[in-house]
Amino acid sequence: MKGLRWRLIFSIFVPIGWLSLTLLYVGFWAGGFTLFQSVILILVSLLLLGGVMGAVWVAWGPRYRHAWD
C-alpha cells in the first residue's frame, strides 16, 4: 500500500526523537523552570506530537480503508 512505509518509519522515529529532545531540554536547558512548568511543557509537547501523528495518519486512512475490510 502506497505511503504506508514512510508513515510507519515516521511513527517509530518521531516519538523517539520527541522523547530524547524533551528529556534533554528539561534536564539541561530548563533549569529555571519549576517541576510544574516542566511537566506542563512535556504534556503540551505530547499533545503537539499526537496532533502531528494524527494528521499524518488521517490522510492515509480513508484512502485505504477498503484494504482492511
PDB file of N, CA and C in Angstrom:
ATOM      1  N   MET A   1       0.839  -1.176   0.000  1.00  0.00           N
ATOM      2  CA  MET A   1       0.000   0.000   0.000  1.00  0.00           C
ATOM      3  C   MET A   1       0.884   1.239   0.000  1.00  0.00           C
ATOM      4  N   LYS A   2       0.570   2.104  -0.902  1.00  0.00           N
ATOM      5  CA  LYS A   2       1.385   3.294  -1.103  1.00  0.00           C
ATOM      6  C   LYS A   2       1.307   4.219   0.112  1.00  0.00           C
ATOM      7  N   GLY A   3       2.454   4.695   0.552  1.00  0.00           N
ATOM      8  CA  GLY A   3       2.520   5.643   1.645  1.00  0.00           C
ATOM      9  C   GLY A   3       2.600   5.036   3.031  1.00  0.00           C
ATOM     10  N   LEU A   4       2.474   3.735   3.125  1.00  0.00           N
ATOM     11  CA  LEU A   4       2.487   3.095   4.444  1.00  0.00           C
ATOM     12  C   LEU A   4       3.889   3.062   5.039  1.00  0.00           C
ATOM     13  N   ARG A   5       4.893   2.800   4.208  1.00  0.00           N
ATOM     14  CA  ARG A   5       6.256   2.649   4.713  1.00  0.00           C
ATOM     15  C   ARG A   5       6.760   3.915   5.406  1.00  0.00           C
ATOM     16  N   TRP A   6       6.633   5.069   4.749  1.00  0.00           N
ATOM     17  CA  TRP A   6       7.165   6.284   5.374  1.00  0.00           C
ATOM     18  C   TRP A   6       6.359   6.682   6.598  1.00  0.00           C
ATOM     19  N   ARG A   7       5.072   6.345   6.624  1.00  0.00           N
ATOM     20  CA  ARG A   7       4.282   6.645   7.812  1.00  0.00           C
ATOM     21  C   ARG A   7       4.694   5.769   8.994  1.00  0.00           C
ATOM     22  N   LEU A   8       5.004   4.525   8.731  1.00  0.00           N
ATOM     23  CA  LEU A   8       5.482   3.645   9.797  1.00  0.00           C
ATOM     24  C   LEU A   8       6.843   4.092  10.326  1.00  0.00           C
ATOM     25  N   ILE A   9       7.733   4.445   9.424  1.00  0.00           N
ATOM     26  CA  ILE A   9       9.046   4.942   9.841  1.00  0.00           C
ATOM     27  C   ILE A   9       8.886   6.229  10.639  1.00  0.00           C
ATOM     28  N   PHE A  10       8.012   7.115  10.179  1.00  0.00           N
ATOM     29  CA  PHE A  10       7.713   8.360  10.886  1.00  0.00           C
ATOM     30  C   PHE A  10       7.172   8.063  12.278  1.00  0.00           C
ATOM     31  N   SER A  11       6.293   7.078  12.378  1.00  0.00           N
ATOM     32  CA  SER A  11       5.667   6.732  13.659  1.00  0.00           C
ATOM     33  C   SER A  11       6.635   6.090  14.638  1.00  0.00           C
ATOM     34  N   ILE A  12       7.733   5.574  14.160  1.00  0.00           N
ATOM     35  CA  ILE A  12       8.740   4.987  15.041  1.00  0.00           C
ATOM     36  C   ILE A  12       9.756   6.038  15.480  1.00  0.00           C
ATOM     37  N   PHE A  13      10.295   6.787  14.527  1.00  0.00           N
ATOM     38  CA  PHE A  13      11.403   7.678  14.830  1.00  0.00           C
ATOM     39  C   PHE A  13      10.991   9.017  15.444  1.00  0.00           C
ATOM     40  N   VAL A  14       9.854   9.545  15.100  1.00  0.00           N
ATOM     41  CA  VAL A  14       9.445  10.843  15.649  1.00  0.00           C
ATOM     42  C   VAL A  14       9.182  10.766  17.154  1.00  0.00           C
ATOM     43  N   PRO A  15       8.463   9.764  17.677  1.00  0.00           N
ATOM     44  CA  PRO A  15       8.321   9.701  19.138  1.00  0.00           C
ATOM     45  C   PRO A  15       9.652   9.475  19.872  1.00  0.00           C
ATOM     46  N   ILE A  16      10.563   8.727  19.273  1.00  0.00           N
ATOM     47  CA  ILE A  16      11.879   8.545  19.882  1.00  0.00           C
ATOM     48  C   ILE A  16      12.613   9.882  19.928  1.00  0.00           C
ATOM     49  N   GLY A  17      12.560  10.624  18.837  1.00  0.00           N
ATOM     50  CA  GLY A  17      13.174  11.954  18.805  1.00  0.00           C
ATOM     51  C   GLY A  17      12.503  12.908  19.774  1.00  0.00           C
ATOM     52  N   TRP A  18      11.167  12.835  19.868  1.00  0.00           N
ATOM     53  CA  TRP A  18      10.438  13.693  20.805  1.00  0.00           C
ATOM     54  C   TRP A  18      10.877  13.414  22.234  1.00  0.00           C
ATOM     55  N   LEU A  19      10.931  12.145  22.601  1.00  0.00           N
ATOM     56  CA  LEU A  19      11.319  11.779  23.960  1.00  0.00           C
ATOM     57  C   LEU A  19      12.740  12.237  24.260  1.00  0.00           C
ATOM     58  N   SER A  20      13.638  12.037  23.331  1.00  0.00           N
ATOM     59  CA  SER A  20      15.028  12.450  23.528  1.00  0.00           C
ATOM     60  C   SER A  20      15.144  13.954  23.718  1.00  0.00           C
ATOM     61  N   LEU A  21      14.509  14.714  22.849  1.00  0.00           N
ATOM     62  CA  LEU A  21      14.622  16.167  22.925  1.00  0.00           C
ATOM     63  C   LEU A  21      13.952  16.747  24.159  1.00  0.00           C
ATOM     64  N   THR A  22      12.793  16.232  24.535  1.00  0.00           N
ATOM     65  CA  THR A  22      12.134  16.777  25.721  1.00  0.00           C
ATOM     66  C   THR A  22      12.917  16.455  26.993  1.00  0.00           C
ATOM     67  N   LEU A  23      13.472  15.255  27.077  1.00  0.00           N
ATOM     68  CA  LEU A  23      14.271  14.922  28.250  1.00  0.00           C
ATOM     69  C   LEU A  23      15.557  15.745  28.311  1.00  0.00           C
ATOM     70  N   LEU A  24      16.189  15.957  27.172  1.00  0.00           N
ATOM     71  CA  LEU A  24      17.372  16.813  27.139  1.00  0.00           C
ATOM     72  C   LEU A  24      17.034  18.245  27.513  1.00  0.00           C
ATOM     73  N   TYR A  25      15.924  18.754  26.992  1.00  0.00           N
ATOM     74  CA  TYR A  25      15.533  20.129  27.276  1.00  0.00           C
ATOM     75  C   TYR A  25      15.222  20.316  28.761  1.00  0.00           C
ATOM     76  N   VAL A  26      14.391  19.449  29.282  1.00  0.00           N
ATOM     77  CA  VAL A  26      14.016  19.579  30.692  1.00  0.00           C
ATOM     78  C   VAL A  26      15.215  19.313  31.599  1.00  0.00           C
ATOM     79  N   GLY A  27      16.069  18.391  31.215  1.00  0.00           N
ATOM     80  CA  GLY A  27      17.206  18.045  32.060  1.00  0.00           C
ATOM     81  C   GLY A  27      18.328  19.066  32.060  1.00  0.00           C
ATOM     82  N   PHE A  28      18.573  19.717  30.936  1.00  0.00           N
ATOM     83  CA  PHE A  28      19.748  20.580  30.836  1.00  0.00           C
ATOM     84  C   PHE A  28      19.430  22.062  30.630  1.00  0.00           C
ATOM     85  N   TRP A  29      18.448  22.367  29.792  1.00  0.00           N
ATOM     86  CA  TRP A  29      18.251  23.764  29.409  1.00  0.00           C
ATOM     87  C   TRP A  29      17.114  24.467  30.144  1.00  0.00           C
ATOM     88  N   ALA A  30      16.283  23.748  30.825  1.00  0.00           N
ATOM     89  CA  ALA A  30      15.140  24.360  31.509  1.00  0.00           C
ATOM     90  C   ALA A  30      15.394  24.436  33.010  1.00  0.00           C
ATOM     91  N   GLY A  31      16.581  24.824  33.391  1.00  0.00           N
ATOM     92  CA  GLY A  31      16.944  24.866  34.798  1.00  0.00           C
ATOM     93  C   GLY A  31      16.140  25.868  35.610  1.00  0.00           C
ATOM     94  N   GLY A  32      15.663  26.923  34.991  1.00  0.00           N
ATOM     95  CA  GLY A  32      14.906  27.940  35.700  1.00  0.00           C
ATOM     96  C   GLY A  32      13.436  27.605  35.871  1.00  0.00           C
ATOM     97  N   PHE A  33      12.989  26.504  35.287  1.00  0.00           N
ATOM     98  CA  PHE A  33      11.580  26.125  35.384  1.00  0.00           C
ATOM     99  C   PHE A  33      11.321  25.340  36.666  1.00  0.00           C
ATOM    100  N   THR A  34      10.111  25.457  37.166  1.00  0.00           N
ATOM    101  CA  THR A  34       9.705  24.631  38.298  1.00  0.00           C
ATOM    102  C   THR A  34       9.308  23.247  37.784  1.00  0.00           C
ATOM    103  N   LEU A  35       9.071  22.322  38.704  1.00  0.00           N
ATOM    104  CA  LEU A  35       8.642  20.981  38.311  1.00  0.00           C
ATOM    105  C   LEU A  35       7.311  21.039  37.562  1.00  0.00           C
ATOM    106  N   PHE A  36       6.409  21.874  38.044  1.00  0.00           N
ATOM    107  CA  PHE A  36       5.106  22.019  37.393  1.00  0.00           C
ATOM    108  C   PHE A  36       5.260  22.521  35.958  1.00  0.00           C
ATOM    109  N   GLN A  37       6.112  23.509  35.750  1.00  0.00           N
ATOM    110  CA  GLN A  37       6.322  24.039  34.403  1.00  0.00           C
ATOM    111  C   GLN A  37       6.953  22.990  33.488  1.00  0.00           C
ATOM    112  N   SER A  38       7.846  22.206  34.017  1.00  0.00           N
ATOM    113  CA  SER A  38       8.470  21.145  33.215  1.00  0.00           C
ATOM    114  C   SER A  38       7.452  20.080  32.822  1.00  0.00           C
ATOM    115  N   VAL A  39       6.570  19.715  33.734  1.00  0.00           N
ATOM    116  CA  VAL A  39       5.533  18.722  33.429  1.00  0.00           C
ATOM    117  C   VAL A  39       4.577  19.281  32.382  1.00  0.00           C
ATOM    118  N   ILE A  40       4.182  20.538  32.519  1.00  0.00           N
ATOM    119  CA  ILE A  40       3.296  21.165  31.532  1.00  0.00           C
ATOM    120  C   ILE A  40       3.972  21.221  30.172  1.00  0.00           C
ATOM    121  N   LEU A  41       5.250  21.529  30.136  1.00  0.00           N
ATOM    122  CA  LEU A  41       5.990  21.566  28.882  1.00  0.00           C
ATOM    123  C   LEU A  41       5.966  20.205  28.189  1.00  0.00           C
ATOM    124  N   ILE A  42       6.171  19.149  28.936  1.00  0.00           N
ATOM    125  CA  ILE A  42       6.151  17.807  28.360  1.00  0.00           C
ATOM    126  C   ILE A  42       4.749  17.439  27.886  1.00  0.00           C
ATOM    127  N   LEU A  43       3.725  17.781  28.664  1.00  0.00           N
ATOM    128  CA  LEU A  43       2.352  17.460  28.261  1.00  0.00           C
ATOM    129  C   LEU A  43       1.928  18.216  27.006  1.00  0.00           C
ATOM    130  N   VAL A  44       2.275  19.482  26.913  1.00  0.00           N
ATOM    131  CA  VAL A  44       1.920  20.261  25.718  1.00  0.00           C
ATOM    132  C   VAL A  44       2.662  19.722  24.502  1.00  0.00           C
ATOM    133  N   SER A  45       3.930  19.389  24.661  1.00  0.00           N
ATOM    134  CA  SER A  45       4.663  18.842  23.521  1.00  0.00           C
ATOM    135  C   SER A  45       4.120  17.467  23.132  1.00  0.00           C
ATOM    136  N   LEU A  46       3.615  16.701  24.102  1.00  0.00           N
ATOM    137  CA  LEU A  46       2.993  15.410  23.801  1.00  0.00           C
ATOM    138  C   LEU A  46       1.692  15.607  23.016  1.00  0.00           C
ATOM    139  N   LEU A  47       0.926  16.613  23.369  1.00  0.00           N
ATOM    140  CA  LEU A  47      -0.291  16.923  22.604  1.00  0.00           C
ATOM    141  C   LEU A  47       0.049  17.325  21.171  1.00  0.00           C
ATOM    142  N   LEU A  48       1.091  18.124  21.003  1.00  0.00           N
ATOM    143  CA  LEU A  48       1.519  18.504  19.658  1.00  0.00           C
ATOM    144  C   LEU A  48       1.994  17.293  18.864  1.00  0.00           C
ATOM    145  N   LEU A  49       2.723  16.411  19.521  1.00  0.00           N
ATOM    146  CA  LEU A  49       3.170  15.180  18.866  1.00  0.00           C
ATOM    147  C   LEU A  49       1.977  14.348  18.413  1.00  0.00           C
ATOM    148  N   GLY A  50       0.985  14.216  19.269  1.00  0.00           N
ATOM    149  CA  GLY A  50      -0.222  13.472  18.903  1.00  0.00           C
ATOM    150  C   GLY A  50      -0.958  14.102  17.736  1.00  0.00           C
ATOM    151  N   GLY A  51      -0.997  15.414  17.699  1.00  0.00           N
ATOM    152  CA  GLY A  51      -1.640  16.101  16.579  1.00  0.00           C
ATOM    153  C   GLY A  51      -0.911  15.875  15.267  1.00  0.00           C
ATOM    154  N   VAL A  52       0.399  15.935  15.315  1.00  0.00           N
ATOM    155  CA  VAL A  52       1.190  15.695  14.098  1.00  0.00           C
ATOM    156  C   VAL A  52       1.043  14.250  13.639  1.00  0.00           C
ATOM    157  N   MET A  53       1.117  13.312  14.574  1.00  0.00           N
ATOM    158  CA  MET A  53       0.966  11.905  14.206  1.00  0.00           C
ATOM    159  C   MET A  53      -0.437  11.624  13.669  1.00  0.00           C
ATOM    160  N   GLY A  54      -1.432  12.237  14.281  1.00  0.00           N
ATOM    161  CA  GLY A  54      -2.796  12.065  13.799  1.00  0.00           C
ATOM    162  C   GLY A  54      -2.981  12.626  12.408  1.00  0.00           C
ATOM    163  N   ALA A  55      -2.390  13.788  12.146  1.00  0.00           N
ATOM    164  CA  ALA A  55      -2.509  14.399  10.822  1.00  0.00           C
ATOM    165  C   ALA A  55      -1.854  13.539   9.749  1.00  0.00           C
ATOM    166  N   VAL A  56      -0.745  12.915  10.092  1.00  0.00           N
ATOM    167  CA  VAL A  56      -0.064  12.046   9.124  1.00  0.00           C
ATOM    168  C   VAL A  56      -0.927  10.833   8.792  1.00  0.00           C
ATOM    169  N   TRP A  57      -1.547  10.228   9.795  1.00  0.00           N
ATOM    170  CA  TRP A  57      -2.308   9.004   9.566  1.00  0.00           C
ATOM    171  C   TRP A  57      -3.718   9.253   9.063  1.00  0.00           C
ATOM    172  N   VAL A  58      -4.321  10.379   9.406  1.00  0.00           N
ATOM    173  CA  VAL A  58      -5.699  10.618   8.975  1.00  0.00           C
ATOM    174  C   VAL A  58      -5.776  10.830   7.459  1.00  0.00           C
ATOM    175  N   ALA A  59      -4.704  11.281   6.865  1.00  0.00           N
ATOM    176  CA  ALA A  59      -4.690  11.440   5.408  1.00  0.00           C
ATOM    177  C   ALA A  59      -4.602  10.086   4.700  1.00  0.00           C
ATOM    178  N   TRP A  60      -4.018   9.099   5.343  1.00  0.00           N
ATOM    179  CA  TRP A  60      -3.834   7.791   4.724  1.00  0.00           C
ATOM    180  C   TRP A  60      -5.033   6.875   4.933  1.00  0.00           C
ATOM    181  N   GLY A  61      -5.653   6.942   6.090  1.00  0.00           N
ATOM    182  CA  GLY A  61      -6.710   6.009   6.462  1.00  0.00           C
ATOM    183  C   GLY A  61      -7.886   5.896   5.519  1.00  0.00           C
ATOM    184  N   PRO A  62      -8.540   6.998   5.175  1.00  0.00           N
ATOM    185  CA  PRO A  62      -9.718   6.879   4.304  1.00  0.00           C
ATOM    186  C   PRO A  62      -9.416   6.323   2.911  1.00  0.00           C
ATOM    187  N   ARG A  63      -8.217   6.562   2.412  1.00  0.00           N
ATOM    188  CA  ARG A  63      -7.876   6.067   1.075  1.00  0.00           C
ATOM    189  C   ARG A  63      -7.751   4.543   1.013  1.00  0.00           C
ATOM    190  N   TYR A  64      -7.296   3.937   2.092  1.00  0.00           N
ATOM    191  CA  TYR A  64      -7.014   2.505   2.075  1.00  0.00           C
ATOM    192  C   TYR A  64      -7.873   1.705   3.049  1.00  0.00           C
ATOM    193  N   ARG A  65      -8.995   2.246   3.470  1.00  0.00           N
ATOM    194  CA  ARG A  65      -9.828   1.518   4.428  1.00  0.00           C
ATOM    195  C   ARG A  65     -10.418   0.251   3.828  1.00  0.00           C
ATOM    196  N   HIS A  66     -10.653   0.241   2.516  1.00  0.00           N
ATOM    197  CA  HIS A  66     -11.214  -0.946   1.876  1.00  0.00           C
ATOM    198  C   HIS A  66     -10.237  -2.128   1.899  1.00  0.00           C
ATOM    199  N   ALA A  67      -8.944  -1.869   1.995  1.00  0.00           N
ATOM    200  CA  ALA A  67      -7.962  -2.940   2.019  1.00  0.00           C
ATOM    201  C   ALA A  67      -7.978  -3.707   3.347  1.00  0.00           C
ATOM    202  N   TRP A  68      -8.502  -3.107   4.408  1.00  0.00           N
ATOM    203  CA  TRP A  68      -8.515  -3.733   5.722  1.00  0.00           C
ATOM    204  C   TRP A  68      -9.860  -4.366   6.057  1.00  0.00           C
ATOM    205  N   ASP A  69     -10.842  -4.203   5.202  1.00  0.00           N
ATOM    206  CA  ASP A  69     -12.175  -4.795   5.449  1.00  0.00           C
ATOM    207  C   ASP A  69     -12.211  -6.260   5.089  1.00  0.00           C
TER     208      ASP A  69
END
